[in-house]
């Protein structure tokens, strides 16, 4: 078969599996196996695909058609200027979460104008997962010191790998952010950022098939989805210096509830930011 025929076969399989973006998924897997993007395929599509790589491609297509997330099959996924390792056991970085990083960095720069580039600034990323938020923040504020806290063993492996690969000023730490003894180890923080689990427990069984393949521990925010925000408000906001910034990602219908929790914890200038879909996505405030 030619390269074009193999690609078209893969796209057809994914279309029949009723995936949301069969063409994108098919070309992404094609690039992984054959090293060609859509433009290269258009130029070289008549070339022979080769039996070994054909079968490798078909195997990946079958995995995707069965519902395994594309990101896990590829083994990495972009976030801001990063290419992060991902796989079973860790939450897949989402584009919406970039708003959290940019919001946190902007508010930190406004709150501490004398700390150009984050010089002398200390921040923590709670529920760090792949390290996307911590590493993204460290890229925007390269002189800041960022701690990335993650409890789950499998996710922590990816966090460590990504921190090593990126070489930024991020220290991965395995700990439970909802234990008072964990928060007590930190003081004098200028910034706290978090994309915690925020899906209501009852909603987990009806999530999209691909999302259900991600670790439940990274999704389950308790009965009302607010469990981790309460932990952050009660245990972590007090660890901020005066003028310190706390910023979190939320579900689309949770912005006001989280803002109220933050105001009750003593944060001021609490704001709710909308994402590119016009949905409440990030809540931030200043101590």
C-alpha atoms as a PDB file:
ATOM      1  CA  UNK A   1       0.000   0.000   0.000  1.00  0.00           C
ATOM      2  CA  UNK A   2       1.049   3.587  -0.537  1.00  0.00           C
ATOM      3  CA  UNK A   3       1.504   6.061   2.291  1.00  0.00           C
ATOM      4  CA  UNK A   4      -1.657   7.878   1.244  1.00  0.00           C
ATOM      5  CA  UNK A   5      -3.688   4.663   1.205  1.00  0.00           C
ATOM      6  CA  UNK A   6      -2.465   3.682   4.661  1.00  0.00           C
ATOM      7  CA  UNK A   7      -3.367   7.097   6.067  1.00  0.00           C
ATOM      8  CA  UNK A   8      -6.812   7.041   4.453  1.00  0.00           C
ATOM      9  CA  UNK A   9      -7.441   3.571   5.851  1.00  0.00           C
ATOM     10  CA  UNK A  10      -6.559   4.807   9.338  1.00  0.00           C
ATOM     11  CA  UNK A  11      -8.768   7.875   9.038  1.00  0.00           C
ATOM     12  CA  UNK A  12     -11.664   5.706   7.840  1.00  0.00           C
ATOM     13  CA  UNK A  13     -11.283   3.393  10.840  1.00  0.00           C
ATOM     14  CA  UNK A  14     -11.329   6.308  13.275  1.00  0.00           C
ATOM     15  CA  UNK A  15     -14.285   7.910  11.503  1.00  0.00           C
ATOM     16  CA  UNK A  16     -16.251   4.669  11.825  1.00  0.00           C
ATOM     17  CA  UNK A  17     -15.326   4.599  15.523  1.00  0.00           C
ATOM     18  CA  UNK A  18     -17.123   7.968  15.796  1.00  0.00           C
ATOM     19  CA  UNK A  19     -14.170   9.834  17.253  1.00  0.00           C
ATOM     20  CA  UNK A  20     -14.434  13.589  17.542  1.00  0.00           C
ATOM     21  CA  UNK A  21     -11.440  14.424  15.304  1.00  0.00           C
ATOM     22  CA  UNK A  22     -10.566  11.361  13.171  1.00  0.00           C
ATOM     23  CA  UNK A  23      -8.471  13.242  10.594  1.00  0.00           C
ATOM     24  CA  UNK A  24      -6.343  14.976  13.250  1.00  0.00           C
ATOM     25  CA  UNK A  25      -5.860  11.764  15.216  1.00  0.00           C
ATOM     26  CA  UNK A  26      -4.992   9.783  12.082  1.00  0.00           C
ATOM     27  CA  UNK A  27      -2.347  12.258  10.896  1.00  0.00           C
ATOM     28  CA  UNK A  28      -0.907  12.581  14.425  1.00  0.00           C
ATOM     29  CA  UNK A  29      -0.411   8.813  14.620  1.00  0.00           C
ATOM     30  CA  UNK A  30       0.885   8.797  11.043  1.00  0.00           C
ATOM     31  CA  UNK A  31       3.529  11.335  12.044  1.00  0.00           C
ATOM     32  CA  UNK A  32       4.547   9.188  15.011  1.00  0.00           C
ATOM     33  CA  UNK A  33       5.101   6.117  12.822  1.00  0.00           C
ATOM     34  CA  UNK A  34       6.247   7.602   9.508  1.00  0.00           C
ATOM     35  CA  UNK A  35       7.679  10.950  10.614  1.00  0.00           C
ATOM     36  CA  UNK A  36       5.516  12.841   8.111  1.00  0.00           C
ATOM     37  CA  UNK A  37       3.031  15.647   8.615  1.00  0.00           C
ATOM     38  CA  UNK A  38       0.126  16.411   6.297  1.00  0.00           C
ATOM     39  CA  UNK A  39       2.273  18.470   3.918  1.00  0.00           C
ATOM     40  CA  UNK A  40       4.913  15.750   3.587  1.00  0.00           C
ATOM     41  CA  UNK A  41       2.199  13.164   3.017  1.00  0.00           C
ATOM     42  CA  UNK A  42       0.779  15.255   0.180  1.00  0.00           C
ATOM     43  CA  UNK A  43       4.199  15.287  -1.483  1.00  0.00           C
ATOM     44  CA  UNK A  44       5.246  11.678  -0.866  1.00  0.00           C
ATOM     45  CA  UNK A  45       1.855   9.966  -0.635  1.00  0.00           C
ATOM     46  CA  UNK A  46       2.488   7.682  -3.630  1.00  0.00           C
ATOM     47  CA  UNK A  47       5.547   6.064  -1.999  1.00  0.00           C
ATOM     48  CA  UNK A  48       5.347   2.539  -0.592  1.00  0.00           C
ATOM     49  CA  UNK A  49       4.482   2.486   3.110  1.00  0.00           C
ATOM     50  CA  UNK A  50       6.457  -0.645   3.977  1.00  0.00           C
ATOM     51  CA  UNK A  51       4.907  -3.646   5.686  1.00  0.00           C
ATOM     52  CA  UNK A  52       6.416  -3.204   9.151  1.00  0.00           C
ATOM     53  CA  UNK A  53       5.389   0.422   9.564  1.00  0.00           C
ATOM     54  CA  UNK A  54       1.958  -0.267   8.069  1.00  0.00           C
ATOM     55  CA  UNK A  55       1.272  -2.785  10.812  1.00  0.00           C
ATOM     56  CA  UNK A  56       2.657  -0.476  13.494  1.00  0.00           C
ATOM     57  CA  UNK A  57       0.342   2.290  12.284  1.00  0.00           C
ATOM     58  CA  UNK A  58      -2.671  -0.018  12.191  1.00  0.00           C
ATOM     59  CA  UNK A  59      -1.947  -1.153  15.746  1.00  0.00           C
ATOM     60  CA  UNK A  60      -1.956   2.451  16.976  1.00  0.00           C
ATOM     61  CA  UNK A  61      -5.135   3.178  15.033  1.00  0.00           C
ATOM     62  CA  UNK A  62      -6.807   0.204  16.738  1.00  0.00           C
ATOM     63  CA  UNK A  63      -5.762   1.510  20.151  1.00  0.00           C
ATOM     64  CA  UNK A  64      -7.221   4.919  19.368  1.00  0.00           C
ATOM     65  CA  UNK A  65     -10.441   3.444  17.950  1.00  0.00           C
ATOM     66  CA  UNK A  66     -10.833   1.491  21.205  1.00  0.00           C
ATOM     67  CA  UNK A  67     -10.837   4.747  23.166  1.00  0.00           C
ATOM     68  CA  UNK A  68      -7.266   5.069  24.392  1.00  0.00           C
ATOM     69  CA  UNK A  69      -6.480   8.803  24.520  1.00  0.00           C
ATOM     70  CA  UNK A  70      -4.383  10.069  21.623  1.00  0.00           C
ATOM     71  CA  UNK A  71      -1.995  11.775  24.039  1.00  0.00           C
ATOM     72  CA  UNK A  72      -1.217   8.501  25.813  1.00  0.00           C
ATOM     73  CA  UNK A  73      -0.521   6.762  22.500  1.00  0.00           C
ATOM     74  CA  UNK A  74       1.789   9.548  21.350  1.00  0.00           C
ATOM     75  CA  UNK A  75       3.556   9.620  24.728  1.00  0.00           C
ATOM     76  CA  UNK A  76       3.843  13.403  24.842  1.00  0.00           C
ATOM     77  CA  UNK A  77       1.678  16.484  24.436  1.00  0.00           C
ATOM     78  CA  UNK A  78       2.377  20.209  23.969  1.00  0.00           C
ATOM     79  CA  UNK A  79       1.624  22.797  26.633  1.00  0.00           C
ATOM     80  CA  UNK A  80       2.700  26.405  26.111  1.00  0.00           C
ATOM     81  CA  UNK A  81       6.316  26.119  24.904  1.00  0.00           C
ATOM     82  CA  UNK A  82       6.747  22.648  26.433  1.00  0.00           C
ATOM     83  CA  UNK A  83       6.497  19.087  25.129  1.00  0.00           C
ATOM     84  CA  UNK A  84       5.494  17.063  28.182  1.00  0.00           C
ATOM     85  CA  UNK A  85       5.700  13.309  28.649  1.00  0.00           C
ATOM     86  CA  UNK A  86       2.279  11.805  29.362  1.00  0.00           C
ATOM     87  CA  UNK A  87       0.841   8.337  29.829  1.00  0.00           C
ATOM     88  CA  UNK A  88      -1.578   6.257  31.858  1.00  0.00           C
ATOM     89  CA  UNK A  89      -1.705   7.484  35.426  1.00  0.00           C
ATOM     90  CA  UNK A  90      -1.327  11.219  34.811  1.00  0.00           C
ATOM     91  CA  UNK A  91      -3.796  13.915  33.779  1.00  0.00           C
ATOM     92  CA  UNK A  92      -3.404  15.110  30.191  1.00  0.00           C
ATOM     93  CA  UNK A  93      -2.517  18.840  29.991  1.00  0.00           C
ATOM     94  CA  UNK A  94      -5.264  20.973  28.442  1.00  0.00           C
ATOM     95  CA  UNK A  95      -4.948  24.190  26.493  1.00  0.00           C
ATOM     96  CA  UNK A  96      -7.421  25.880  28.857  1.00  0.00           C
ATOM     97  CA  UNK A  97      -4.936  25.455  31.703  1.00  0.00           C
ATOM     98  CA  UNK A  98      -2.506  27.823  29.986  1.00  0.00           C
ATOM     99  CA  UNK A  99      -4.821  30.634  31.149  1.00  0.00           C
ATOM    100  CA  UNK A 100      -4.053  29.648  34.753  1.00  0.00           C
ATOM    101  CA  UNK A 101      -0.310  29.996  34.168  1.00  0.00           C
ATOM    102  CA  UNK A 102      -0.564  33.326  32.359  1.00  0.00           C
ATOM    103  CA  UNK A 103      -2.975  34.707  34.959  1.00  0.00           C
ATOM    104  CA  UNK A 104      -0.737  33.635  37.824  1.00  0.00           C
ATOM    105  CA  UNK A 105       2.393  35.061  36.204  1.00  0.00           C
ATOM    106  CA  UNK A 106       0.668  38.354  35.379  1.00  0.00           C
ATOM    107  CA  UNK A 107      -0.706  38.859  38.866  1.00  0.00           C
ATOM    108  CA  UNK A 108       2.634  37.943  40.433  1.00  0.00           C
ATOM    109  CA  UNK A 109       4.436  40.482  38.236  1.00  0.00           C
ATOM    110  CA  UNK A 110       1.892  43.127  39.264  1.00  0.00           C
ATOM    111  CA  UNK A 111       2.057  42.235  42.960  1.00  0.00           C
ATOM    112  CA  UNK A 112       5.863  42.110  43.121  1.00  0.00           C
ATOM    113  CA  UNK A 113       7.209  44.556  40.504  1.00  0.00           C
ATOM    114  CA  UNK A 114      10.612  44.610  42.187  1.00  0.00           C
ATOM    115  CA  UNK A 115      11.129  40.896  41.484  1.00  0.00           C
ATOM    116  CA  UNK A 116      11.837  41.127  37.762  1.00  0.00           C
ATOM    117  CA  UNK A 117      11.851  37.715  36.112  1.00  0.00           C
ATOM    118  CA  UNK A 118      10.711  36.226  39.410  1.00  0.00           C
ATOM    119  CA  UNK A 119      14.021  36.906  41.159  1.00  0.00           C
ATOM    120  CA  UNK A 120      13.651  35.825  44.796  1.00  0.00           C
ATOM    121  CA  UNK A 121      10.074  34.704  44.225  1.00  0.00           C
ATOM    122  CA  UNK A 122       8.826  31.429  45.734  1.00  0.00           C
ATOM    123  CA  UNK A 123       5.807  29.627  44.306  1.00  0.00           C
ATOM    124  CA  UNK A 124       4.052  26.269  44.628  1.00  0.00           C
ATOM    125  CA  UNK A 125       2.017  24.271  42.115  1.00  0.00           C
ATOM    126  CA  UNK A 126      -0.465  22.080  44.000  1.00  0.00           C
ATOM    127  CA  UNK A 127      -1.693  18.832  42.371  1.00  0.00           C
ATOM    128  CA  UNK A 128       1.055  19.218  39.793  1.00  0.00           C
ATOM    129  CA  UNK A 129       0.480  16.127  37.615  1.00  0.00           C
ATOM    130  CA  UNK A 130       2.818  16.364  34.609  1.00  0.00           C
ATOM    131  CA  UNK A 131       4.260  19.596  35.973  1.00  0.00           C
ATOM    132  CA  UNK A 132       2.618  21.648  33.223  1.00  0.00           C
ATOM    133  CA  UNK A 133       1.657  24.562  35.470  1.00  0.00           C
ATOM    134  CA  UNK A 134       4.908  24.646  37.447  1.00  0.00           C
ATOM    135  CA  UNK A 135       7.110  24.363  34.354  1.00  0.00           C
ATOM    136  CA  UNK A 136       5.018  26.881  32.448  1.00  0.00           C
ATOM    137  CA  UNK A 137       5.304  29.371  35.308  1.00  0.00           C
ATOM    138  CA  UNK A 138       9.052  28.770  35.579  1.00  0.00           C
ATOM    139  CA  UNK A 139       9.349  29.552  31.873  1.00  0.00           C
ATOM    140  CA  UNK A 140       7.590  32.900  32.293  1.00  0.00           C
ATOM    141  CA  UNK A 141       9.439  33.718  35.536  1.00  0.00           C
ATOM    142  CA  UNK A 142      12.811  32.002  35.006  1.00  0.00           C
ATOM    143  CA  UNK A 143      14.395  33.268  38.219  1.00  0.00           C
ATOM    144  CA  UNK A 144      11.569  32.078  40.458  1.00  0.00           C
ATOM    145  CA  UNK A 145      11.842  28.945  42.595  1.00  0.00           C
ATOM    146  CA  UNK A 146       8.827  26.692  42.057  1.00  0.00           C
ATOM    147  CA  UNK A 147       7.817  23.614  44.060  1.00  0.00           C
ATOM    148  CA  UNK A 148       5.577  21.096  42.267  1.00  0.00           C
ATOM    149  CA  UNK A 149       3.532  18.960  44.681  1.00  0.00           C
ATOM    150  CA  UNK A 150       1.932  15.680  43.597  1.00  0.00           C
ATOM    151  CA  UNK A 151       0.633  12.763  45.668  1.00  0.00           C
ATOM    152  CA  UNK A 152      -0.063   9.953  43.193  1.00  0.00           C
ATOM    153  CA  UNK A 153       2.887   7.655  42.476  1.00  0.00           C
ATOM    154  CA  UNK A 154       2.333   7.192  38.734  1.00  0.00           C
ATOM    155  CA  UNK A 155       1.795  10.896  38.138  1.00  0.00           C
ATOM    156  CA  UNK A 156       4.867  11.728  40.213  1.00  0.00           C
ATOM    157  CA  UNK A 157       7.030   9.634  37.877  1.00  0.00           C
ATOM    158  CA  UNK A 158       5.957  11.823  34.948  1.00  0.00           C
ATOM    159  CA  UNK A 159       6.452  14.955  37.030  1.00  0.00           C
ATOM    160  CA  UNK A 160      10.037  13.968  37.796  1.00  0.00           C
ATOM    161  CA  UNK A 161      10.781  13.094  34.179  1.00  0.00           C
ATOM    162  CA  UNK A 162       9.411  16.354  32.849  1.00  0.00           C
ATOM    163  CA  UNK A 163      11.263  18.415  35.432  1.00  0.00           C
ATOM    164  CA  UNK A 164      14.540  16.691  34.537  1.00  0.00           C
ATOM    165  CA  UNK A 165      13.993  17.109  30.799  1.00  0.00           C
ATOM    166  CA  UNK A 166      13.060  20.783  30.935  1.00  0.00           C
ATOM    167  CA  UNK A 167      15.853  21.895  33.230  1.00  0.00           C
ATOM    168  CA  UNK A 168      13.828  24.685  34.812  1.00  0.00           C
ATOM    169  CA  UNK A 169      13.850  25.813  38.447  1.00  0.00           C
ATOM    170  CA  UNK A 170      11.136  23.392  39.540  1.00  0.00           C
ATOM    171  CA  UNK A 171      11.458  20.963  42.451  1.00  0.00           C
ATOM    172  CA  UNK A 172       9.097  17.949  42.352  1.00  0.00           C
ATOM    173  CA  UNK A 173       7.811  16.884  45.773  1.00  0.00           C
ATOM    174  CA  UNK A 174       5.579  13.917  46.538  1.00  0.00           C
ATOM    175  CA  UNK A 175       3.076  14.870  49.223  1.00  0.00           C
ATOM    176  CA  UNK A 176      -0.602  15.279  50.060  1.00  0.00           C
ATOM    177  CA  UNK A 177      -1.649  18.919  49.797  1.00  0.00           C
ATOM    178  CA  UNK A 178      -4.689  18.343  52.030  1.00  0.00           C
ATOM    179  CA  UNK A 179      -2.582  17.307  55.027  1.00  0.00           C
ATOM    180  CA  UNK A 180      -1.957  20.231  57.388  1.00  0.00           C
ATOM    181  CA  UNK A 181       1.566  18.942  58.037  1.00  0.00           C
ATOM    182  CA  UNK A 182       2.383  19.363  54.334  1.00  0.00           C
ATOM    183  CA  UNK A 183       1.273  22.985  54.194  1.00  0.00           C
ATOM    184  CA  UNK A 184       3.100  23.720  57.446  1.00  0.00           C
ATOM    185  CA  UNK A 185       6.407  22.920  55.720  1.00  0.00           C
ATOM    186  CA  UNK A 186       5.894  25.901  53.442  1.00  0.00           C
ATOM    187  CA  UNK A 187       5.971  29.538  54.391  1.00  0.00           C
ATOM    188  CA  UNK A 188       6.742  32.805  52.721  1.00  0.00           C
ATOM    189  CA  UNK A 189       5.199  31.795  49.410  1.00  0.00           C
ATOM    190  CA  UNK A 190       4.656  34.572  46.898  1.00  0.00           C
ATOM    191  CA  UNK A 191       2.444  32.465  44.671  1.00  0.00           C
ATOM    192  CA  UNK A 192       0.197  29.407  44.773  1.00  0.00           C
ATOM    193  CA  UNK A 193      -1.162  27.937  41.547  1.00  0.00           C
ATOM    194  CA  UNK A 194      -3.289  24.825  41.205  1.00  0.00           C
ATOM    195  CA  UNK A 195      -5.358  22.868  38.721  1.00  0.00           C
ATOM    196  CA  UNK A 196      -6.889  20.493  41.276  1.00  0.00           C
ATOM    197  CA  UNK A 197      -9.454  17.727  40.735  1.00  0.00           C
ATOM    198  CA  UNK A 198     -12.806  19.512  40.437  1.00  0.00           C
ATOM    199  CA  UNK A 199     -15.327  17.161  38.827  1.00  0.00           C
ATOM    200  CA  UNK A 200     -18.225  16.138  41.057  1.00  0.00           C
ATOM    201  CA  UNK A 201     -17.996  12.470  42.051  1.00  0.00           C
ATOM    202  CA  UNK A 202     -21.431  11.642  40.621  1.00  0.00           C
ATOM    203  CA  UNK A 203     -20.407  13.001  37.204  1.00  0.00           C
ATOM    204  CA  UNK A 204     -17.383  10.719  36.754  1.00  0.00           C
ATOM    205  CA  UNK A 205     -19.303   7.753  35.227  1.00  0.00           C
ATOM    206  CA  UNK A 206     -20.818   9.939  32.488  1.00  0.00           C
ATOM    207  CA  UNK A 207     -17.633  11.661  31.332  1.00  0.00           C
ATOM    208  CA  UNK A 208     -16.400  11.176  27.764  1.00  0.00           C
ATOM    209  CA  UNK A 209     -14.901   7.742  27.152  1.00  0.00           C
ATOM    210  CA  UNK A 210     -11.372   9.129  26.736  1.00  0.00           C
ATOM    211  CA  UNK A 211     -11.583  11.228  29.904  1.00  0.00           C
ATOM    212  CA  UNK A 212     -12.635   8.149  31.881  1.00  0.00           C
ATOM    213  CA  UNK A 213      -9.279   6.606  30.901  1.00  0.00           C
ATOM    214  CA  UNK A 214      -7.469   9.319  32.849  1.00  0.00           C
ATOM    215  CA  UNK A 215      -6.761   8.732  36.563  1.00  0.00           C
ATOM    216  CA  UNK A 216      -9.864   9.213  38.707  1.00  0.00           C
ATOM    217  CA  UNK A 217      -7.736  10.711  41.461  1.00  0.00           C
ATOM    218  CA  UNK A 218      -6.885  13.609  39.125  1.00  0.00           C
ATOM    219  CA  UNK A 219     -10.559  14.247  38.346  1.00  0.00           C
ATOM    220  CA  UNK A 220     -12.614  13.579  41.488  1.00  0.00           C
ATOM    221  CA  UNK A 221     -13.254  16.769  43.435  1.00  0.00           C
ATOM    222  CA  UNK A 222     -15.682  15.208  45.902  1.00  0.00           C
ATOM    223  CA  UNK A 223     -19.444  15.485  46.213  1.00  0.00           C
ATOM    224  CA  UNK A 224     -19.675  19.123  45.094  1.00  0.00           C
ATOM    225  CA  UNK A 225     -16.327  19.312  43.281  1.00  0.00           C
ATOM    226  CA  UNK A 226     -14.947  21.818  45.786  1.00  0.00           C
ATOM    227  CA  UNK A 227     -12.984  19.565  48.167  1.00  0.00           C
ATOM    228  CA  UNK A 228      -9.519  20.669  47.053  1.00  0.00           C
ATOM    229  CA  UNK A 229     -10.444  24.352  46.906  1.00  0.00           C
ATOM    230  CA  UNK A 230     -11.437  24.146  50.562  1.00  0.00           C
ATOM    231  CA  UNK A 231      -8.043  22.602  51.349  1.00  0.00           C
ATOM    232  CA  UNK A 232      -6.270  25.364  49.456  1.00  0.00           C
ATOM    233  CA  UNK A 233      -8.295  28.122  51.128  1.00  0.00           C
ATOM    234  CA  UNK A 234      -7.869  26.697  54.633  1.00  0.00           C
ATOM    235  CA  UNK A 235      -4.305  25.366  54.530  1.00  0.00           C
ATOM    236  CA  UNK A 236      -2.424  27.170  51.787  1.00  0.00           C
ATOM    237  CA  UNK A 237      -3.688  30.738  51.603  1.00  0.00           C
ATOM    238  CA  UNK A 238      -2.199  31.357  55.091  1.00  0.00           C
ATOM    239  CA  UNK A 239       1.215  30.295  53.708  1.00  0.00           C
ATOM    240  CA  UNK A 240       1.268  33.303  51.371  1.00  0.00           C
ATOM    241  CA  UNK A 241       3.231  36.443  52.195  1.00  0.00           C
ATOM    242  CA  UNK A 242       1.297  39.686  52.357  1.00  0.00           C
ATOM    243  CA  UNK A 243       0.416  40.538  48.771  1.00  0.00           C
ATOM    244  CA  UNK A 244       0.921  36.942  47.644  1.00  0.00           C
ATOM    245  CA  UNK A 245      -1.148  35.532  44.794  1.00  0.00           C
ATOM    246  CA  UNK A 246      -3.354  32.435  44.716  1.00  0.00           C
ATOM    247  CA  UNK A 247      -4.737  31.300  41.338  1.00  0.00           C
ATOM    248  CA  UNK A 248      -6.653  28.121  40.527  1.00  0.00           C
ATOM    249  CA  UNK A 249      -8.415  26.535  37.585  1.00  0.00           C
ATOM    250  CA  UNK A 250     -12.089  25.691  38.105  1.00  0.00           C
ATOM    251  CA  UNK A 251     -14.946  23.952  36.365  1.00  0.00           C
ATOM    252  CA  UNK A 252     -17.121  26.160  34.183  1.00  0.00           C
ATOM    253  CA  UNK A 253     -19.879  26.448  36.801  1.00  0.00           C
ATOM    254  CA  UNK A 254     -17.664  26.744  39.887  1.00  0.00           C
ATOM    255  CA  UNK A 255     -16.089  30.175  39.510  1.00  0.00           C
ATOM    256  CA  UNK A 256     -18.410  32.031  41.853  1.00  0.00           C
ATOM    257  CA  UNK A 257     -18.342  29.325  44.523  1.00  0.00           C
ATOM    258  CA  UNK A 258     -14.537  29.230  44.530  1.00  0.00           C
ATOM    259  CA  UNK A 259     -14.365  33.027  44.542  1.00  0.00           C
ATOM    260  CA  UNK A 260     -16.583  33.027  47.648  1.00  0.00           C
ATOM    261  CA  UNK A 261     -14.297  30.490  49.369  1.00  0.00           C
ATOM    262  CA  UNK A 262     -11.276  32.647  48.588  1.00  0.00           C
ATOM    263  CA  UNK A 263     -12.927  35.811  49.877  1.00  0.00           C
ATOM    264  CA  UNK A 264     -13.871  33.991  53.091  1.00  0.00           C
ATOM    265  CA  UNK A 265     -10.223  32.931  53.471  1.00  0.00           C
ATOM    266  CA  UNK A 266      -9.153  36.581  53.453  1.00  0.00           C
ATOM    267  CA  UNK A 267      -8.069  36.999  49.844  1.00  0.00           C
ATOM    268  CA  UNK A 268      -8.865  40.344  48.245  1.00  0.00           C
ATOM    269  CA  UNK A 269      -9.190  41.538  44.663  1.00  0.00           C
ATOM    270  CA  UNK A 270     -10.659  38.137  43.800  1.00  0.00           C
ATOM    271  CA  UNK A 271     -11.282  37.804  40.065  1.00  0.00           C
ATOM    272  CA  UNK A 272     -12.896  35.203  37.834  1.00  0.00           C
ATOM    273  CA  UNK A 273     -11.287  34.885  34.377  1.00  0.00           C
ATOM    274  CA  UNK A 274     -13.034  33.376  31.361  1.00  0.00           C
ATOM    275  CA  UNK A 275     -11.347  31.006  28.899  1.00  0.00           C
ATOM    276  CA  UNK A 276     -11.384  31.215  25.084  1.00  0.00           C
ATOM    277  CA  UNK A 277     -14.858  29.638  25.087  1.00  0.00           C
ATOM    278  CA  UNK A 278     -16.237  32.367  27.336  1.00  0.00           C
ATOM    279  CA  UNK A 279     -16.523  30.021  30.333  1.00  0.00           C
ATOM    280  CA  UNK A 280     -15.370  30.719  33.893  1.00  0.00           C
ATOM    281  CA  UNK A 281     -11.988  29.007  34.170  1.00  0.00           C
ATOM    282  CA  UNK A 282      -9.561  30.716  36.573  1.00  0.00           C
ATOM    283  CA  UNK A 283     -10.113  32.318  39.975  1.00  0.00           C
ATOM    284  CA  UNK A 284      -7.341  34.385  41.540  1.00  0.00           C
ATOM    285  CA  UNK A 285      -6.865  36.666  44.505  1.00  0.00           C
ATOM    286  CA  UNK A 286      -4.267  38.472  46.606  1.00  0.00           C
ATOM    287  CA  UNK A 287      -3.607  38.011  50.298  1.00  0.00           C
END
